[in-house]
Amino acid sequence: MALSHAGLNRKTRFATLTVVAGANLPDIDIVTWADSTATYLKYHRGLTHSLLGVTILGGLLGLLIHYGGRWKGPNRAGLTANLRWLMLCGLTGTFSHLLLDFTNPYGVRALSPFSDRWYSWDIVFIADPLFWFVLTLGLGLPALLRLVSAEVGASKPEYRRGAVCSLCAILLLWGARDLCHRRAVSLLDSQMYGEENPRHLGVYPSTLNPLTWTGVIETDSAFHVLAVNALDDHINPREALILRKPASTPALEAAMRTRTAAIFLEFAEFPWASVREVEDGFDVSLRDLRFFSLISDRQRFVVDVKLDSDLRVRSESFSFSSPSRREFPQEPAEGEERGASSEAAAAGRAMSRR
């Protein structure tokens, strides 16, 4: 809506319809959810979220709306359906979707189908209330002022200024988050963890506070997860939650060979596995620590594989959000073993994102 009211709706009829439809069109891959959530994870943010895919979708959308609406006469502003501007509106919508998905930790496979590499900026949470607030304020305040103006007989303010201001505010917000992200990365990278240097690290945003981040650091023997504030002068690595990486077990290897685990390992950047022996077999859980929560028992992006005592797969599933069994102690500094991560998981990382 903001992109259209920033000026595109003055160029052609159906501009807002085309931009809004285009901004949602790449998520057409949701049809793969009909098979399973694992299948959806495999194909989501792939071809329809690539540079090639959004170009084709945006162009086709502009053509469709032009030929579907060209029989309509001009609107109240005297605008008719203009093919070139409608195609530009379609491309604006689909590329805005690609840009927004790139800003969050989930990322996009922008070069699909030529490459399955994931790209992400990691500065915005998947669902960002602050982002919604800025855009709602930019579009909602002019609407409110128009109602007031109508009552007092004054000229009505335009939506354009509010739309432009909200879009500029989003760019400033992204710039501030990027600075905070770089600051948090610098703080984490300057430390040693359990007398080990970081092999790989990532910093991921919180839902509400742009200053607080979750850091994930991989060393030779463990993953370290800790909260970091971009305004801090230093951090204490001993405050990290330590998730150890012991050798793999037959149960873990069996779980890694499942289809769901294979799909997950192609997606995950920090895959961590835990094995729990139960009365009739084993429960194996895989998580991507990019989405690990230090404050909630509900975890995101979780694979569960249930094996019988003979290591045969009884069930396998993937969930975007799942109540977590706390297989590890809450106290982070004791250095106890808090789960299991396998050599197979390390191999999965080599196949995955970066």
Protein backbone atom coordinates (compact mmCIF):
# COMPACT_ATOMS: atom_id res chain seq x y z
CA MET A 1 0.00 0.00 0.00
CA ALA A 2 2.77 2.44 0.90
CA LEU A 3 4.70 1.71 -2.30
CA SER A 4 1.60 2.37 -4.40
CA HIS A 5 0.56 5.56 -2.59
CA ALA A 6 4.11 6.88 -2.79
CA GLY A 7 3.38 7.65 -6.43
CA LEU A 8 2.59 4.59 -8.53
CA ASN A 9 -1.17 5.02 -8.09
CA ARG A 10 -0.88 8.30 -10.02
CA LYS A 11 0.46 6.57 -13.12
CA THR A 12 -2.11 3.90 -13.95
CA ARG A 13 -5.42 2.47 -12.91
CA PHE A 14 -5.23 -0.71 -10.76
CA ALA A 15 -1.77 0.25 -9.45
CA THR A 16 -2.54 -0.50 -5.81
CA LEU A 17 -4.23 -3.80 -6.68
CA THR A 18 -1.21 -4.85 -8.75
CA VAL A 19 1.43 -3.89 -6.17
CA VAL A 20 -0.44 -5.55 -3.29
CA ALA A 21 -1.08 -8.71 -5.29
CA GLY A 22 2.55 -8.78 -6.42
CA ALA A 23 3.80 -8.34 -2.86
CA ASN A 24 2.00 -11.55 -1.87
CA LEU A 25 2.41 -13.56 -5.07
CA PRO A 26 5.81 -15.19 -4.32
CA ASP A 27 4.20 -17.04 -1.39
CA ILE A 28 2.24 -19.07 -3.91
CA ASP A 29 4.67 -21.84 -2.97
CA ILE A 30 2.46 -22.38 0.09
CA VAL A 31 0.64 -25.00 -2.03
CA THR A 32 3.49 -27.38 -1.19
CA TRP A 33 2.28 -27.40 2.42
CA ALA A 34 -0.55 -29.69 1.24
CA ASP A 35 2.01 -32.51 1.13
CA SER A 36 3.76 -31.82 4.46
CA THR A 37 5.52 -29.08 6.40
CA ALA A 38 8.85 -30.70 5.46
CA THR A 39 7.98 -30.44 1.75
CA TYR A 40 7.04 -26.81 2.30
CA LEU A 41 10.40 -26.18 3.99
CA LYS A 42 12.13 -27.80 1.00
CA TYR A 43 10.50 -25.56 -1.60
CA HIS A 44 9.59 -22.38 0.30
CA ARG A 45 11.59 -19.27 -0.61
CA GLY A 46 13.09 -21.10 -3.54
CA LEU A 47 12.18 -20.51 -7.18
CA THR A 48 9.26 -18.17 -6.47
CA HIS A 49 11.55 -16.08 -4.24
CA SER A 50 14.45 -15.90 -6.68
CA LEU A 51 15.46 -13.00 -8.90
CA LEU A 52 14.26 -14.97 -11.92
CA GLY A 53 11.04 -16.06 -10.25
CA VAL A 54 9.90 -12.64 -9.00
CA THR A 55 10.69 -11.11 -12.40
CA ILE A 56 8.49 -13.64 -14.19
CA LEU A 57 5.70 -13.43 -11.60
CA GLY A 58 5.70 -9.62 -11.55
CA GLY A 59 5.68 -9.32 -15.32
CA LEU A 60 2.90 -11.88 -15.77
CA LEU A 61 0.82 -10.21 -13.08
CA GLY A 62 1.08 -6.83 -14.82
CA LEU A 63 0.03 -8.40 -18.12
CA LEU A 64 -2.89 -10.24 -16.54
CA ILE A 65 -4.30 -7.19 -14.77
CA HIS A 66 -3.84 -5.01 -17.86
CA TYR A 67 -5.68 -7.35 -20.19
CA GLY A 68 -8.29 -8.10 -17.56
CA GLY A 69 -8.97 -4.43 -16.86
CA ARG A 70 -8.30 -2.64 -20.12
CA TRP A 71 -12.01 -2.69 -20.97
CA LYS A 72 -12.67 -0.51 -17.96
CA GLY A 73 -12.81 3.18 -18.64
CA PRO A 74 -10.82 5.80 -16.74
CA ASN A 75 -11.25 6.10 -13.00
CA ARG A 76 -12.22 9.29 -11.17
CA ALA A 77 -8.67 10.60 -11.59
CA GLY A 78 -8.83 10.00 -15.35
CA LEU A 79 -6.36 7.10 -15.30
CA THR A 80 -6.70 4.04 -17.54
CA ALA A 81 -4.86 0.72 -17.37
CA ASN A 82 -1.34 1.33 -18.68
CA LEU A 83 0.58 -1.83 -19.59
CA ARG A 84 4.10 -0.56 -18.90
CA TRP A 85 3.18 0.97 -15.56
CA LEU A 86 1.19 -2.10 -14.50
CA MET A 87 4.15 -4.34 -15.28
CA LEU A 88 6.35 -2.00 -13.23
CA CYS A 89 3.80 -2.18 -10.40
CA GLY A 90 3.84 -5.97 -10.55
CA LEU A 91 7.65 -6.05 -10.43
CA THR A 92 7.68 -3.52 -7.58
CA GLY A 93 5.39 -5.77 -5.55
CA THR A 94 7.26 -9.04 -6.15
CA PHE A 95 10.71 -7.50 -5.64
CA SER A 96 9.54 -5.87 -2.40
CA HIS A 97 8.63 -9.36 -1.18
CA LEU A 98 12.08 -10.65 -2.07
CA LEU A 99 13.74 -7.70 -0.31
CA LEU A 100 11.67 -8.09 2.87
CA ASP A 101 12.37 -11.82 3.08
CA PHE A 102 16.08 -11.17 2.53
CA THR A 103 16.21 -8.92 5.61
CA ASN A 104 15.30 -11.71 8.06
CA PRO A 105 17.23 -14.78 9.24
CA TYR A 106 15.15 -17.22 7.19
CA GLY A 107 16.59 -15.73 3.99
CA VAL A 108 15.95 -16.48 0.32
CA ARG A 109 17.48 -18.63 -2.38
CA ALA A 110 17.86 -15.65 -4.70
CA LEU A 111 19.73 -17.50 -7.45
CA SER A 112 17.38 -20.49 -7.69
CA PRO A 113 17.18 -22.64 -9.82
CA PHE A 114 20.85 -22.12 -10.68
CA SER A 115 22.04 -22.26 -7.08
CA ASP A 116 20.45 -23.36 -3.81
CA ARG A 117 22.61 -21.03 -1.72
CA TRP A 118 20.72 -19.05 0.91
CA TYR A 119 21.17 -15.30 1.34
CA SER A 120 20.01 -13.34 4.39
CA TRP A 121 20.72 -9.97 6.00
CA ASP A 122 19.71 -11.14 9.51
CA ILE A 123 18.62 -7.70 10.75
CA VAL A 124 14.84 -8.08 11.10
CA PHE A 125 12.81 -10.78 12.82
CA ILE A 126 10.49 -12.80 10.56
CA ALA A 127 7.47 -10.94 11.97
CA ASP A 128 8.45 -7.42 13.05
CA PRO A 129 5.79 -5.42 14.97
CA LEU A 130 7.89 -2.23 14.73
CA PHE A 131 7.90 -2.50 10.95
CA TRP A 132 4.12 -2.88 10.91
CA PHE A 133 3.71 0.05 13.30
CA VAL A 134 5.75 2.42 11.12
CA LEU A 135 3.81 1.57 7.96
CA THR A 136 0.44 1.63 9.72
CA LEU A 137 1.22 5.04 11.19
CA GLY A 138 2.35 6.40 7.83
CA LEU A 139 -0.85 5.29 6.10
CA GLY A 140 -3.27 5.51 9.02
CA LEU A 141 -2.51 9.03 10.20
CA PRO A 142 -3.37 10.65 6.84
CA ALA A 143 -6.59 8.62 6.77
CA LEU A 144 -7.52 9.95 10.20
CA LEU A 145 -6.67 13.52 9.19
CA ARG A 146 -8.82 13.17 6.07
CA LEU A 147 -11.81 12.27 8.26
CA VAL A 148 -11.20 15.30 10.46
CA SER A 149 -10.75 17.57 7.43
CA ALA A 150 -14.00 16.31 5.92
CA GLU A 151 -15.86 17.34 9.08
CA VAL A 152 -14.40 20.85 9.24
CA GLY A 153 -14.51 21.43 5.50
CA ALA A 154 -10.75 21.78 5.04
CA SER A 155 -8.73 20.35 2.18
CA LYS A 156 -7.92 16.71 2.63
CA PRO A 157 -4.28 15.75 3.21
CA GLU A 158 -2.70 13.35 0.74
CA TYR A 159 -1.69 9.79 1.50
CA ARG A 160 1.47 10.29 -0.52
CA ARG A 161 3.44 12.17 2.12
CA GLY A 162 2.60 9.63 4.81
CA ALA A 163 3.53 6.76 2.50
CA VAL A 164 6.86 8.33 1.54
CA CYS A 165 7.66 9.15 5.17
CA SER A 166 6.89 5.62 6.31
CA LEU A 167 9.07 4.09 3.59
CA CYS A 168 11.93 6.45 4.47
CA ALA A 169 11.47 5.50 8.14
CA ILE A 170 11.78 1.83 7.20
CA LEU A 171 15.09 2.53 5.43
CA LEU A 172 16.37 4.39 8.49
CA LEU A 173 15.22 1.52 10.72
CA TRP A 174 17.07 -0.99 8.56
CA GLY A 175 20.19 1.17 8.67
CA ALA A 176 20.05 1.38 12.47
CA ARG A 177 19.48 -2.37 12.78
CA ASP A 178 22.41 -3.04 10.45
CA LEU A 179 24.70 -0.93 12.63
CA CYS A 180 23.50 -2.75 15.75
CA HIS A 181 23.97 -6.10 14.01
CA ARG A 182 27.54 -5.28 13.02
CA ARG A 183 28.27 -4.09 16.55
CA ALA A 184 26.92 -7.33 18.05
CA VAL A 185 28.94 -9.45 15.61
CA SER A 186 32.08 -7.52 16.54
CA LEU A 187 31.45 -8.08 20.27
CA LEU A 188 31.03 -11.83 19.82
CA ASP A 189 33.91 -12.31 17.41
CA SER A 190 36.40 -10.70 19.80
CA GLN A 191 35.92 -13.37 22.48
CA MET A 192 37.08 -16.89 23.19
CA TYR A 193 34.57 -19.51 24.28
CA GLY A 194 35.75 -22.25 26.61
CA GLU A 195 39.33 -21.50 25.52
CA GLU A 196 38.30 -22.03 21.89
CA ASN A 197 38.08 -19.52 19.06
CA PRO A 198 34.81 -19.17 17.12
CA ARG A 199 34.63 -21.29 13.97
CA HIS A 200 31.37 -19.76 12.82
CA LEU A 201 29.01 -17.26 14.40
CA GLY A 202 25.73 -15.54 13.72
CA VAL A 203 23.69 -12.79 15.35
CA TYR A 204 19.90 -12.77 15.10
CA PRO A 205 17.27 -10.15 16.01
CA SER A 206 14.69 -10.26 18.77
CA THR A 207 11.00 -9.67 18.15
CA LEU A 208 10.61 -6.23 19.74
CA ASN A 209 13.85 -4.62 20.92
CA PRO A 210 16.19 -3.64 18.05
CA LEU A 211 19.11 -3.42 20.51
CA THR A 212 18.91 -7.01 21.80
CA TRP A 213 20.16 -9.92 19.74
CA THR A 214 20.79 -13.64 20.13
CA GLY A 215 24.31 -14.73 19.32
CA VAL A 216 25.15 -18.26 18.18
CA ILE A 217 28.82 -19.24 18.20
CA GLU A 218 30.15 -22.56 17.00
CA THR A 219 33.49 -23.81 18.30
CA ASP A 220 35.19 -27.15 17.77
CA SER A 221 33.41 -28.77 20.71
CA ALA A 222 30.14 -26.89 21.24
CA PHE A 223 27.58 -24.28 20.31
CA HIS A 224 27.34 -21.24 22.58
CA VAL A 225 24.09 -19.26 22.67
CA LEU A 226 23.84 -15.97 24.51
CA ALA A 227 22.00 -12.68 24.54
CA VAL A 228 23.91 -9.58 23.46
CA ASN A 229 23.01 -5.89 23.59
CA ALA A 230 24.44 -3.69 20.85
CA LEU A 231 25.09 -0.89 23.36
CA ASP A 232 27.26 -3.03 25.65
CA ASP A 233 31.00 -2.42 25.73
CA HIS A 234 31.76 -6.09 26.31
CA ILE A 235 30.10 -9.48 26.81
CA ASN A 236 30.80 -12.36 29.16
CA PRO A 237 31.14 -15.65 27.27
CA ARG A 238 30.57 -17.55 30.52
CA GLU A 239 26.95 -16.42 30.45
CA ALA A 240 26.35 -18.43 27.29
CA LEU A 241 24.20 -21.52 27.19
CA ILE A 242 26.56 -24.33 26.11
CA LEU A 243 25.28 -27.05 23.79
CA ARG A 244 28.00 -29.67 23.51
CA LYS A 245 28.89 -31.70 20.42
CA PRO A 246 29.81 -35.27 21.44
CA ALA A 247 30.35 -38.05 18.94
CA SER A 248 27.39 -39.33 16.99
CA THR A 249 25.37 -42.33 18.09
CA PRO A 250 23.60 -45.04 16.03
CA ALA A 251 20.23 -43.53 16.95
CA LEU A 252 21.29 -40.08 15.80
CA GLU A 253 22.75 -41.41 12.55
CA ALA A 254 19.52 -43.29 11.85
CA ALA A 255 17.50 -40.12 12.39
CA MET A 256 19.80 -38.12 10.13
CA ARG A 257 19.08 -40.50 7.27
CA THR A 258 15.37 -39.65 7.22
CA ARG A 259 13.92 -37.45 4.49
CA THR A 260 12.77 -34.79 6.95
CA ALA A 261 16.22 -34.50 8.55
CA ALA A 262 17.91 -34.30 5.13
CA ILE A 263 15.62 -31.43 4.08
CA PHE A 264 16.22 -29.68 7.38
CA LEU A 265 20.02 -29.95 7.16
CA GLU A 266 19.98 -28.33 3.72
CA PHE A 267 18.18 -25.37 5.30
CA ALA A 268 19.72 -25.05 8.78
CA GLU A 269 22.78 -22.91 9.44
CA PHE A 270 23.37 -24.05 13.02
CA PRO A 271 21.81 -27.55 13.25
CA TRP A 272 21.91 -29.00 16.75
CA ALA A 273 20.57 -32.42 17.66
CA SER A 274 19.54 -34.03 20.94
CA VAL A 275 18.75 -37.68 21.61
CA ARG A 276 16.47 -38.89 24.37
CA GLU A 277 16.14 -42.59 25.19
CA VAL A 278 12.58 -43.56 26.00
CA GLU A 279 10.97 -46.81 27.06
CA ASP A 280 10.33 -48.14 23.56
CA GLY A 281 13.17 -46.51 21.62
CA PHE A 282 14.61 -43.04 21.02
CA ASP A 283 13.30 -39.53 20.43
CA VAL A 284 15.63 -37.41 18.30
CA SER A 285 15.16 -33.66 18.02
CA LEU A 286 16.88 -31.29 15.56
CA ARG A 287 16.84 -27.52 15.90
CA ASP A 288 18.30 -24.63 13.94
CA LEU A 289 19.89 -22.45 16.60
CA ARG A 290 19.26 -19.30 14.55
CA PHE A 291 15.73 -19.49 15.90
CA PHE A 292 16.59 -20.72 19.39
CA SER A 293 14.87 -18.90 22.25
CA LEU A 294 16.66 -18.32 25.54
CA ILE A 295 13.51 -17.11 27.28
CA SER A 296 10.73 -19.40 26.03
CA ASP A 297 10.10 -23.13 26.13
CA ARG A 298 8.49 -22.86 22.69
CA GLN A 299 11.15 -23.35 20.03
CA ARG A 300 10.99 -22.67 16.31
CA PHE A 301 12.08 -24.84 13.37
CA VAL A 302 12.16 -28.25 15.05
CA VAL A 303 12.45 -31.75 13.57
CA ASP A 304 11.25 -34.70 15.65
CA VAL A 305 12.14 -38.27 14.72
CA LYS A 306 10.91 -41.22 16.77
CA LEU A 307 12.79 -44.53 16.51
CA ASP A 308 12.00 -47.93 17.97
CA SER A 309 14.56 -49.94 19.91
CA ASP A 310 15.83 -51.45 16.63
CA LEU A 311 16.39 -47.94 15.21
CA ARG A 312 13.51 -48.23 12.76
CA VAL A 313 11.73 -44.94 12.08
CA ARG A 314 8.31 -44.81 13.72
CA SER A 315 7.55 -41.19 12.77
CA GLU A 316 9.23 -38.05 11.48
CA SER A 317 7.91 -34.50 11.42
CA PHE A 318 8.93 -30.87 11.07
CA SER A 319 7.31 -27.96 12.88
CA PHE A 320 7.86 -24.21 12.56
CA SER A 321 6.94 -23.83 16.23
CA SER A 322 6.93 -26.52 18.88
CA PRO A 323 6.90 -26.83 22.68
CA SER A 324 10.44 -27.79 23.65
CA ARG A 325 11.49 -30.49 26.06
CA ARG A 326 14.35 -29.02 28.03
CA GLU A 327 16.87 -31.85 27.74
CA PHE A 328 19.61 -29.60 29.12
CA PRO A 329 19.95 -27.76 32.43
CA GLN A 330 18.95 -24.13 32.67
CA GLU A 331 22.23 -23.07 34.35
CA PRO A 332 24.63 -22.23 31.49
CA ALA A 333 28.00 -22.06 33.21
CA GLU A 334 28.37 -25.60 34.46
CA GLY A 335 29.72 -26.94 31.17
CA GLU A 336 27.66 -30.11 31.32
CA GLU A 337 26.67 -32.07 28.26
CA ARG A 338 23.30 -30.71 27.18
CA GLY A 339 22.46 -32.62 24.08
CA ALA A 340 24.04 -34.35 21.13
CA SER A 341 25.27 -33.03 17.84
CA SER A 342 26.59 -35.40 15.27
CA GLU A 343 29.22 -35.53 12.59
CA ALA A 344 26.27 -35.98 10.25
CA ALA A 345 25.01 -32.57 11.33
CA ALA A 346 28.40 -31.06 10.55
CA ALA A 347 28.24 -32.66 7.12
CA GLY A 348 24.79 -31.17 6.72
CA ARG A 349 26.19 -27.71 7.44
CA ALA A 350 28.75 -28.20 4.71
CA MET A 351 25.91 -28.80 2.26
CA SER A 352 23.88 -25.87 3.45
CA ARG A 353 23.78 -22.16 3.43
CA ARG A 354 27.18 -20.49 3.45
